[in-house]
Amino acid sequence: MKKGSPAPADMDSYIAGFPKNIQMVLQQVRATIRKAASGAEEKISYQMPAFAENGVLVWFAAWKEHLGLYPTPSAIREFAHELTGYEQSRGAIRFPLDQAMPLGLIRRIVQFRVRETREKTARRRVNRRR
């Protein structure tokens, strides 16, 4: 998306704001996340596409040279051994746009986040009953 553009209303609008080659990558990542988190809702959060189920599972965004995946620090710690070839920070992973997206890895990260958020929700329910 171009700097200064209005915030996208939905995921389709976000993706449409990019060149066709980037749109294809974003659609691949979107489909991968949707399949891994079939019960999740698509939304825009922090002006980025996000999938939410019991809270946001993961955000993603296209940048000039990479696709950013924002799965929370716990997921990055969990998959640290598989992320050594990618730039990362506490809450972000940068997948270069000039390389094939590691869709299997993205799928596993999202599945981890689904389990994690479901477990947290279950713990909260148990604690409320006490």
Foldseek 3Di string as FASTA:
>chain_A
DDPPDDQDFFPVRQLVVDPPLVSVVSVLLVVLLCVLCVPWDWGADPSFIFTDDLGTQWTWDDDDFWIKIFRAQVLCVVCVVVQPVFDDDSGITTHTSVDDDPSVSSSVSSNVSVVVSVVVVVVVVVVVVD
